[in-house]
Protein backbone atom coordinates (compact mmCIF):
# COMPACT_ATOMS: atom_id res chain seq x y z
CA UNK A 1 145.57 259.02 112.66
CA UNK A 2 143.76 259.74 115.53
CA UNK A 3 143.17 256.70 117.47
CA UNK A 4 147.42 255.97 116.86
CA UNK A 5 147.99 259.42 118.15
CA UNK A 6 145.99 258.69 121.59
CA UNK A 7 147.83 255.59 121.56
CA UNK A 8 146.13 253.10 119.93
CA UNK A 9 147.55 249.85 119.22
CA UNK A 10 146.68 247.82 116.14
CA UNK A 11 147.86 244.34 116.81
CA UNK A 12 147.64 243.95 120.55
CA UNK A 13 150.57 241.16 119.64
CA UNK A 14 152.95 243.44 118.48
CA UNK A 15 156.74 244.08 119.88
CA UNK A 16 155.41 247.40 120.12
CA UNK A 17 152.45 246.47 121.74
CA UNK A 18 154.82 244.17 124.30
CA UNK A 19 157.28 246.90 124.94
CA UNK A 20 154.92 248.91 126.04
CA UNK A 21 152.72 247.07 128.63
CA UNK A 22 155.91 245.93 130.03
CA UNK A 23 156.95 249.49 130.44
CA UNK A 24 154.32 250.35 131.93
CA UNK A 25 154.32 247.56 134.61
CA UNK A 26 157.84 248.04 135.32
CA UNK A 27 156.58 252.15 136.43
CA UNK A 28 153.96 250.58 138.53
CA UNK A 29 156.67 248.22 140.12
CA UNK A 30 158.84 251.68 140.85
CA UNK A 31 156.13 253.27 142.00
CA UNK A 32 155.26 250.00 144.21
CA UNK A 33 158.72 250.31 145.47
CA UNK A 34 158.87 253.38 145.95
CA UNK A 35 155.22 253.22 148.13
CA UNK A 36 156.21 250.04 149.85
CA UNK A 37 160.18 250.03 150.47
CA UNK A 38 160.96 246.70 148.39
CA UNK A 39 159.90 245.89 144.95
CA UNK A 40 159.04 241.97 145.76
CA UNK A 41 155.50 242.23 144.90
CA UNK A 42 153.66 238.65 145.84
CA UNK A 43 151.55 236.91 142.91
CA UNK A 44 148.51 237.65 145.17
CA UNK A 45 148.75 241.40 144.97
CA UNK A 46 146.08 242.66 142.68
CA UNK A 47 146.50 246.44 142.12
CA UNK A 48 147.00 246.83 138.38
CA UNK A 49 147.43 242.81 138.35
CA UNK A 50 151.26 243.72 139.30
CA UNK A 51 151.59 240.36 140.98
CA UNK A 52 150.42 238.34 138.19
CA UNK A 53 152.77 240.53 136.13
CA UNK A 54 155.81 240.31 138.23
CA UNK A 55 155.55 236.58 138.31
CA UNK A 56 155.34 236.09 135.06
CA UNK A 57 158.24 237.43 134.67
CA UNK A 58 159.85 235.07 137.30
CA UNK A 59 158.48 232.36 135.23
CA UNK A 60 160.32 233.59 132.13
CA UNK A 61 163.69 234.35 133.92
CA UNK A 62 163.02 230.71 135.36
CA UNK A 63 162.65 229.30 131.75
CA UNK A 64 165.23 231.18 130.25
CA UNK A 65 163.27 233.25 128.22
CA UNK A 66 163.54 236.99 129.87
CA UNK A 67 165.08 239.60 127.63
CA UNK A 68 168.65 240.22 129.87
CA UNK A 69 168.31 243.80 130.00
CA UNK A 70 164.72 243.58 131.52
CA UNK A 71 166.13 241.15 133.79
CA UNK A 72 168.92 243.75 134.32
CA UNK A 73 166.37 246.47 134.80
CA UNK A 74 164.20 244.02 137.26
CA UNK A 75 167.34 243.02 139.11
CA UNK A 76 168.51 246.83 139.50
CA UNK A 77 165.26 247.54 142.05
CA UNK A 78 165.89 244.94 143.95
CA UNK A 79 163.57 242.11 143.07
CA UNK A 80 163.92 238.71 144.27
CA UNK A 81 163.89 235.96 141.86
CA UNK A 82 163.29 233.10 144.13
CA UNK A 83 160.45 234.80 146.70
CA UNK A 84 160.99 231.77 149.04
CA UNK A 85 164.72 232.62 149.24
CA UNK A 86 165.97 233.23 153.10
CA UNK A 87 167.38 236.52 151.01
CA UNK A 88 163.62 237.36 150.07
CA UNK A 89 162.76 236.83 153.82
CA UNK A 90 165.39 239.16 154.77
CA UNK A 91 164.82 242.10 152.19
CA UNK A 92 161.32 241.75 153.14
CA UNK A 93 161.94 242.17 157.07
CA UNK A 94 164.69 244.77 156.79
CA UNK A 95 162.60 246.75 154.28
CA UNK A 96 159.36 246.61 156.66
CA UNK A 97 161.73 247.22 159.49
CA UNK A 98 163.28 250.63 158.25
CA UNK A 99 159.13 251.65 157.31
CA UNK A 100 158.98 251.00 161.16
CA UNK A 101 161.62 253.28 161.90
CA UNK A 102 160.54 255.92 159.75
CA UNK A 103 156.88 255.46 161.31
CA UNK A 104 158.49 256.00 165.15
CA UNK A 105 160.46 259.19 163.50
CA UNK A 106 157.23 260.50 161.98
CA UNK A 107 154.53 259.52 164.94
CA UNK A 108 156.76 259.45 168.06
CA UNK A 109 156.21 256.16 169.01
CA UNK A 110 156.22 252.27 167.68
CA UNK A 111 153.23 251.11 168.69
CA UNK A 112 151.37 251.00 164.97
CA UNK A 113 148.10 249.31 165.40
CA UNK A 114 147.31 245.87 163.87
CA UNK A 115 144.70 247.76 161.34
CA UNK A 116 147.42 250.53 160.29
CA UNK A 117 147.33 250.37 156.37
CA UNK A 118 149.48 252.38 155.35
CA UNK A 119 152.83 249.78 153.82
CA UNK A 120 150.49 247.08 155.49
CA UNK A 121 153.07 248.41 158.49
CA UNK A 122 150.37 247.45 161.24
CA UNK A 123 149.94 243.81 159.29
CA UNK A 124 153.54 242.80 159.53
CA UNK A 125 153.83 244.03 163.00
CA UNK A 126 151.29 242.35 164.21
CA UNK A 127 153.09 239.29 162.77
CA UNK A 128 156.25 239.43 164.33
CA UNK A 129 154.33 239.93 167.63
CA UNK A 130 152.33 236.61 167.19
CA UNK A 131 155.60 234.69 165.98
CA UNK A 132 157.36 236.33 169.45
CA UNK A 133 154.34 234.77 171.32
CA UNK A 134 154.87 231.68 169.64
CA UNK A 135 158.45 231.82 170.46
CA UNK A 136 159.46 231.73 166.26
CA UNK A 137 160.64 234.94 166.10
CA UNK A 138 164.06 235.26 165.74
CA UNK A 139 166.56 236.30 168.37
CA UNK A 140 168.11 239.33 166.82
CA UNK A 141 164.70 240.56 164.92
CA UNK A 142 163.37 240.29 168.67
CA UNK A 143 166.10 242.80 169.79
CA UNK A 144 165.72 245.31 167.04
CA UNK A 145 162.36 245.41 168.20
CA UNK A 146 162.63 246.12 171.53
CA UNK A 147 165.55 248.31 170.83
CA UNK A 148 163.43 250.97 168.42
CA UNK A 149 160.74 250.58 171.92
């Protein structure tokens, strides 16, 4: 009884175990979205195994085994089911751009160093710089970045 009172589940394959685990991972995803500005965690994301968990949800959706209520919850917080899609790229770019706008507002400039770790903004902006140098940065996106300064 004491162990049950602190949350021990005796049958890890039970529906209760599955529900509690799913809800805990979903909450981690909500926190990730709040912190990172999007909810499309890459499969390789290691923190809390969140990337693997979201990838398993994508696989369940693709196989038709994801519960409809859970699918709706994930969609409601902006999960993109096909991370290789144009929608995924656009949403991720827009979210990072918004983070850059917030950074400029807070810091007074938009010259984020590559080593800046918050929200991986430094890495993202560096990748935009590389794309510009290589001539592969979309012209509209280039203009947005130039307009911000």
